[in-house]
Amino acid sequence: MHYTTPTDQQAYNEQVWHLARLVPHGKVVTYGQIAQLIPLPAGVDPDEYKTFGARWVGEAMAACPANVPWQRVINAQGKISPRPGAQTQRQLLEAEGIVFVKDKVDLKVYQWRPGQDDEPRQAKLF
C-alpha cells in the first residue's frame, strides 16, 4: 500500500526520537501513541496520518541514533514487533523490570502516560 511520508522526514524523526527519550526507565510507549503525541505534519491528510502514523514512527525508530532508548517503543498489543533485534529488545526491557507474560507486556501496568505518571517531567513534549 502506498502512502506519503512527512515532507520533512528528518524533522519528523527528531520529534519521534525526542518523545522516545522522554519515556522513563521501566515504562513503554506504543508506536501509535507516539504518533498521536506528534502534531500533524504539514501537508499530510489527517485520515492518512491516523492510518499510517504508527508505521512512520516505526520507520523513525529503525533509524534512531544510539542515544534513543528504542527498546521502550512497542506495538499496540503490548508486544515486541518481530524483526532482527527483538530478543535484545526484550532483554533490555526485562533488565528495566518490565515483566512479560508469554510474549506480551501489560500496557495497563507499564505504558507511559505523559503528565499522569508520577515520574517528574524533565522536558516538554513540544
Protein backbone atom coordinates (compact mmCIF):
# COMPACT_ATOMS: atom_id res chain seq x y z
CA MET A 1 0.00 0.00 0.00
CA HIS A 2 1.35 3.40 -0.96
CA TYR A 3 1.32 6.32 1.42
CA THR A 4 3.01 9.66 1.55
CA THR A 5 5.58 10.46 4.15
CA PRO A 6 6.11 13.71 6.02
CA THR A 7 7.61 16.42 3.82
CA ASP A 8 10.45 16.93 6.29
CA GLN A 9 11.28 13.36 7.29
CA GLN A 10 14.25 14.39 9.44
CA ALA A 11 12.16 16.86 11.46
CA TYR A 12 9.50 14.19 11.97
CA ASN A 13 12.12 11.66 13.07
CA GLU A 14 13.59 14.16 15.53
CA GLN A 15 10.14 14.58 17.13
CA VAL A 16 9.77 10.80 17.42
CA TRP A 17 13.21 10.44 18.99
CA HIS A 18 12.55 13.33 21.38
CA LEU A 19 9.42 11.58 22.67
CA ALA A 20 11.16 8.21 22.93
CA ARG A 21 13.85 9.86 25.07
CA LEU A 22 11.15 11.08 27.49
CA VAL A 23 9.84 7.58 28.23
CA PRO A 24 11.01 6.76 31.77
CA HIS A 25 13.06 3.70 32.68
CA GLY A 26 10.68 0.79 33.31
CA LYS A 27 7.92 2.15 31.07
CA VAL A 28 6.94 1.58 27.44
CA VAL A 29 5.10 3.53 24.80
CA THR A 30 3.43 2.33 21.60
CA TYR A 31 4.24 3.42 18.07
CA GLY A 32 0.70 4.73 17.69
CA GLN A 33 0.87 6.59 20.98
CA ILE A 34 3.95 8.47 19.82
CA ALA A 35 2.22 9.26 16.52
CA GLN A 36 -0.73 10.73 18.43
CA LEU A 37 1.57 12.92 20.52
CA ILE A 38 3.21 14.48 17.45
CA PRO A 39 1.41 17.37 15.76
CA LEU A 40 0.02 16.52 12.33
CA PRO A 41 2.87 17.01 9.84
CA ALA A 42 2.31 19.77 7.28
CA GLY A 43 0.74 18.59 4.05
CA VAL A 44 -0.42 15.26 5.47
CA ASP A 45 -4.08 14.27 5.40
CA PRO A 46 -5.37 13.66 8.97
CA ASP A 47 -7.02 10.35 7.99
CA GLU A 48 -3.85 9.15 6.31
CA TYR A 49 -1.83 10.09 9.38
CA LYS A 50 -4.25 8.23 11.62
CA THR A 51 -3.81 5.17 9.42
CA PHE A 52 -0.06 5.31 8.85
CA GLY A 53 1.37 7.38 11.73
CA ALA A 54 2.40 4.31 13.75
CA ARG A 55 4.26 2.96 10.73
CA TRP A 56 6.07 6.28 10.29
CA VAL A 57 7.09 6.14 13.95
CA GLY A 58 8.40 2.61 13.37
CA GLU A 59 10.45 3.81 10.43
CA ALA A 60 11.88 6.64 12.52
CA MET A 61 12.75 4.23 15.33
CA ALA A 62 14.51 1.91 12.87
CA ALA A 63 16.81 4.83 12.04
CA CYS A 64 17.26 6.22 15.57
CA PRO A 65 20.61 7.31 16.96
CA ALA A 66 22.28 5.31 19.71
CA ASN A 67 21.14 7.70 22.46
CA VAL A 68 17.45 6.90 21.93
CA PRO A 69 16.01 4.18 24.23
CA TRP A 70 14.49 2.34 21.26
CA GLN A 71 13.62 -0.70 23.37
CA ARG A 72 10.83 1.23 25.12
CA VAL A 73 8.72 1.53 21.95
CA ILE A 74 6.48 -1.49 21.33
CA ASN A 75 3.34 -2.27 19.37
CA ALA A 76 -0.26 -1.58 20.41
CA GLN A 77 -0.79 -5.19 21.53
CA GLY A 78 1.97 -4.82 24.10
CA LYS A 79 4.30 -6.97 22.05
CA ILE A 80 7.69 -6.52 20.51
CA SER A 81 7.33 -6.39 16.75
CA PRO A 82 9.04 -9.38 15.12
CA ARG A 83 12.29 -8.29 13.49
CA PRO A 84 16.03 -8.62 13.98
CA GLY A 85 16.85 -7.35 17.47
CA ALA A 86 13.55 -8.40 19.02
CA GLN A 87 15.22 -10.69 21.56
CA THR A 88 17.65 -7.93 22.55
CA GLN A 89 14.71 -5.56 22.99
CA ARG A 90 13.00 -7.99 25.32
CA GLN A 91 16.20 -8.49 27.34
CA LEU A 92 16.67 -4.71 27.70
CA LEU A 93 13.07 -4.24 28.85
CA GLU A 94 13.32 -7.12 31.32
CA ALA A 95 16.52 -5.54 32.69
CA GLU A 96 14.42 -2.41 33.37
CA GLY A 97 11.99 -4.50 35.41
CA ILE A 98 9.29 -4.89 32.77
CA VAL A 99 7.58 -8.27 33.09
CA PHE A 100 6.38 -10.21 30.06
CA VAL A 101 3.55 -12.69 30.28
CA LYS A 102 4.44 -15.04 27.44
CA ASP A 103 5.25 -12.51 24.71
CA LYS A 104 3.27 -9.55 26.00
CA VAL A 105 3.70 -6.53 28.28
CA ASP A 106 0.69 -5.42 30.34
CA LEU A 107 0.14 -1.90 28.99
CA LYS A 108 -2.14 -1.07 31.93
CA VAL A 109 0.89 -1.51 34.19
CA TYR A 110 3.85 -0.40 32.07
CA GLN A 111 2.55 2.10 29.49
CA TRP A 112 3.89 5.62 29.90
CA ARG A 113 1.23 8.29 30.15
CA PRO A 114 2.80 11.74 29.86
CA GLY A 115 1.67 14.00 32.66
CA GLN A 116 -0.13 11.20 34.51
CA ASP A 117 2.78 9.09 35.71
CA ASP A 118 4.42 10.04 38.96
CA GLU A 119 7.74 10.44 37.16
CA PRO A 120 8.78 14.08 37.07
CA ARG A 121 8.60 15.53 33.58
CA GLN A 122 12.09 16.64 32.68
CA ALA A 123 11.19 18.21 29.33
CA LYS A 124 8.18 19.48 27.47
CA LEU A 125 6.66 17.32 24.76
CA PHE A 126 6.82 20.18 22.22
